[in-house]
Amino acid sequence: MTFVGHGIAGATIAVAVLPRDASVRSIIPTIIAFAVLANLPDAHFPGWGHDRYDISHSVFVTLVLAGVLAVPFFLSTSLCRKVGGC
């Protein structure tokens, strides 16, 4: 998938998880962040394994990375309320 396809997939996920009453000031940065994060599997980091799609595009690797990114939101209720409205 190209960076455009990854970006569109990320933007689609962002729109699906945003609260209905979200303001435009929070919608735009969230969509941009999700589009950028969706391109991480294709990043050329040393030792990342981009040459091996079974690593860089693995569902399990993605779940681990998403879990690591979600930890601050579980630890801080104020951050969770600010970003996700939980």
C-alpha atoms as a PDB file:
ATOM      1  CA  MET A   1       0.000   0.000   0.000  1.00  0.00           C
ATOM      2  CA  THR A   2       1.278   3.481  -0.755  1.00  0.00           C
ATOM      3  CA  PHE A   3       1.586   6.295   1.762  1.00  0.00           C
ATOM      4  CA  VAL A   4      -1.672   7.674   0.385  1.00  0.00           C
ATOM      5  CA  GLY A   5      -3.475   4.405   1.111  1.00  0.00           C
ATOM      6  CA  HIS A   6      -2.017   4.218   4.610  1.00  0.00           C
ATOM      7  CA  GLY A   7      -2.996   7.848   5.240  1.00  0.00           C
ATOM      8  CA  ILE A   8      -6.562   7.316   4.063  1.00  0.00           C
ATOM      9  CA  ALA A   9      -6.868   4.202   6.239  1.00  0.00           C
ATOM     10  CA  GLY A  10      -5.606   6.154   9.263  1.00  0.00           C
ATOM     11  CA  ALA A  11      -7.958   9.065   8.578  1.00  0.00           C
ATOM     12  CA  THR A  12     -10.877   6.651   8.249  1.00  0.00           C
ATOM     13  CA  ILE A  13     -10.076   5.064  11.609  1.00  0.00           C
ATOM     14  CA  ALA A  14      -9.807   8.534  13.175  1.00  0.00           C
ATOM     15  CA  VAL A  15     -13.236   9.528  11.888  1.00  0.00           C
ATOM     16  CA  ALA A  16     -14.680   6.265  13.196  1.00  0.00           C
ATOM     17  CA  VAL A  17     -13.343   6.715  16.748  1.00  0.00           C
ATOM     18  CA  LEU A  18     -13.883  10.451  17.212  1.00  0.00           C
ATOM     19  CA  PRO A  19     -16.814  11.460  19.413  1.00  0.00           C
ATOM     20  CA  ARG A  20     -19.792  12.900  17.550  1.00  0.00           C
ATOM     21  CA  ASP A  21     -19.651  16.170  19.455  1.00  0.00           C
ATOM     22  CA  ALA A  22     -15.937  16.755  18.779  1.00  0.00           C
ATOM     23  CA  SER A  23     -14.973  20.258  17.728  1.00  0.00           C
ATOM     24  CA  VAL A  24     -13.201  21.042  14.466  1.00  0.00           C
ATOM     25  CA  ARG A  25     -10.170  22.108  16.523  1.00  0.00           C
ATOM     26  CA  SER A  26      -9.836  18.537  17.778  1.00  0.00           C
ATOM     27  CA  ILE A  27     -10.956  16.719  14.635  1.00  0.00           C
ATOM     28  CA  ILE A  28      -8.301  18.046  12.259  1.00  0.00           C
ATOM     29  CA  PRO A  29      -5.234  17.290  14.457  1.00  0.00           C
ATOM     30  CA  THR A  30      -6.631  13.858  15.298  1.00  0.00           C
ATOM     31  CA  ILE A  31      -7.113  12.950  11.645  1.00  0.00           C
ATOM     32  CA  ILE A  32      -3.604  14.182  10.808  1.00  0.00           C
ATOM     33  CA  ALA A  33      -2.092  12.219  13.718  1.00  0.00           C
ATOM     34  CA  PHE A  34      -3.871   9.014  12.708  1.00  0.00           C
ATOM     35  CA  ALA A  35      -2.812   9.460   9.068  1.00  0.00           C
ATOM     36  CA  VAL A  36       0.822   9.922  10.125  1.00  0.00           C
ATOM     37  CA  LEU A  37       0.711   6.980  12.553  1.00  0.00           C
ATOM     38  CA  ALA A  38      -0.790   4.762   9.853  1.00  0.00           C
ATOM     39  CA  ASN A  39       2.365   5.302   7.793  1.00  0.00           C
ATOM     40  CA  LEU A  40       4.689   3.979  10.521  1.00  0.00           C
ATOM     41  CA  PRO A  41       4.705   0.400   9.149  1.00  0.00           C
ATOM     42  CA  ASP A  42       6.447   1.727   6.026  1.00  0.00           C
ATOM     43  CA  ALA A  43       9.028   3.812   7.899  1.00  0.00           C
ATOM     44  CA  HIS A  44      12.646   2.974   7.205  1.00  0.00           C
ATOM     45  CA  PHE A  45      13.961   2.815  10.763  1.00  0.00           C
ATOM     46  CA  PRO A  46      17.183   0.855  11.336  1.00  0.00           C
ATOM     47  CA  GLY A  47      16.365  -2.672  12.467  1.00  0.00           C
ATOM     48  CA  TRP A  48      12.636  -2.161  11.976  1.00  0.00           C
ATOM     49  CA  GLY A  49      12.255  -4.929   9.447  1.00  0.00           C
ATOM     50  CA  HIS A  50      10.572  -2.983   6.672  1.00  0.00           C
ATOM     51  CA  ASP A  51      12.176  -5.381   4.225  1.00  0.00           C
ATOM     52  CA  ARG A  52      10.170  -8.160   5.890  1.00  0.00           C
ATOM     53  CA  TYR A  53       6.437  -7.450   5.711  1.00  0.00           C
ATOM     54  CA  ASP A  54       5.769 -10.234   8.210  1.00  0.00           C
ATOM     55  CA  ILE A  55       7.318  -7.937  10.853  1.00  0.00           C
ATOM     56  CA  SER A  56       6.480  -4.392   9.795  1.00  0.00           C
ATOM     57  CA  HIS A  57       2.908  -5.180   8.718  1.00  0.00           C
ATOM     58  CA  SER A  58       2.126  -7.766  11.377  1.00  0.00           C
ATOM     59  CA  VAL A  59      -1.147  -7.485  13.278  1.00  0.00           C
ATOM     60  CA  PHE A  60       0.680  -8.534  16.440  1.00  0.00           C
ATOM     61  CA  VAL A  61       3.390  -5.877  16.082  1.00  0.00           C
ATOM     62  CA  THR A  62       0.693  -3.291  15.413  1.00  0.00           C
ATOM     63  CA  LEU A  63      -1.208  -4.351  18.534  1.00  0.00           C
ATOM     64  CA  VAL A  64       1.942  -4.023  20.657  1.00  0.00           C
ATOM     65  CA  LEU A  65       2.702  -0.562  19.256  1.00  0.00           C
ATOM     66  CA  ALA A  66      -0.903   0.558  19.757  1.00  0.00           C
ATOM     67  CA  GLY A  67      -0.787  -0.763  23.315  1.00  0.00           C
ATOM     68  CA  VAL A  68       2.399   1.172  24.057  1.00  0.00           C
ATOM     69  CA  LEU A  69       0.854   4.344  22.630  1.00  0.00           C
ATOM     70  CA  ALA A  70      -2.327   3.805  24.685  1.00  0.00           C
ATOM     71  CA  VAL A  71      -0.569   3.403  28.059  1.00  0.00           C
ATOM     72  CA  PRO A  72      -0.395   7.168  28.825  1.00  0.00           C
ATOM     73  CA  PHE A  73      -4.155   7.455  28.292  1.00  0.00           C
ATOM     74  CA  PHE A  74      -4.856   4.667  30.760  1.00  0.00           C
ATOM     75  CA  LEU A  75      -2.499   6.155  33.333  1.00  0.00           C
ATOM     76  CA  SER A  76      -3.776   9.727  33.095  1.00  0.00           C
ATOM     77  CA  THR A  77      -7.530  10.325  33.222  1.00  0.00           C
ATOM     78  CA  SER A  78      -7.053  14.035  32.504  1.00  0.00           C
ATOM     79  CA  LEU A  79      -5.168  13.229  29.297  1.00  0.00           C
ATOM     80  CA  CYS A  80      -7.817  10.708  28.361  1.00  0.00           C
ATOM     81  CA  ARG A  81     -10.596  13.262  28.883  1.00  0.00           C
ATOM     82  CA  LYS A  82      -8.709  15.941  26.953  1.00  0.00           C
ATOM     83  CA  VAL A  83      -8.069  13.785  23.922  1.00  0.00           C
ATOM     84  CA  GLY A  84     -10.723  11.100  23.845  1.00  0.00           C
ATOM     85  CA  GLY A  85     -13.507  12.314  26.051  1.00  0.00           C
ATOM     86  CA  CYS A  86     -13.550   9.199  28.246  1.00  0.00           C
END
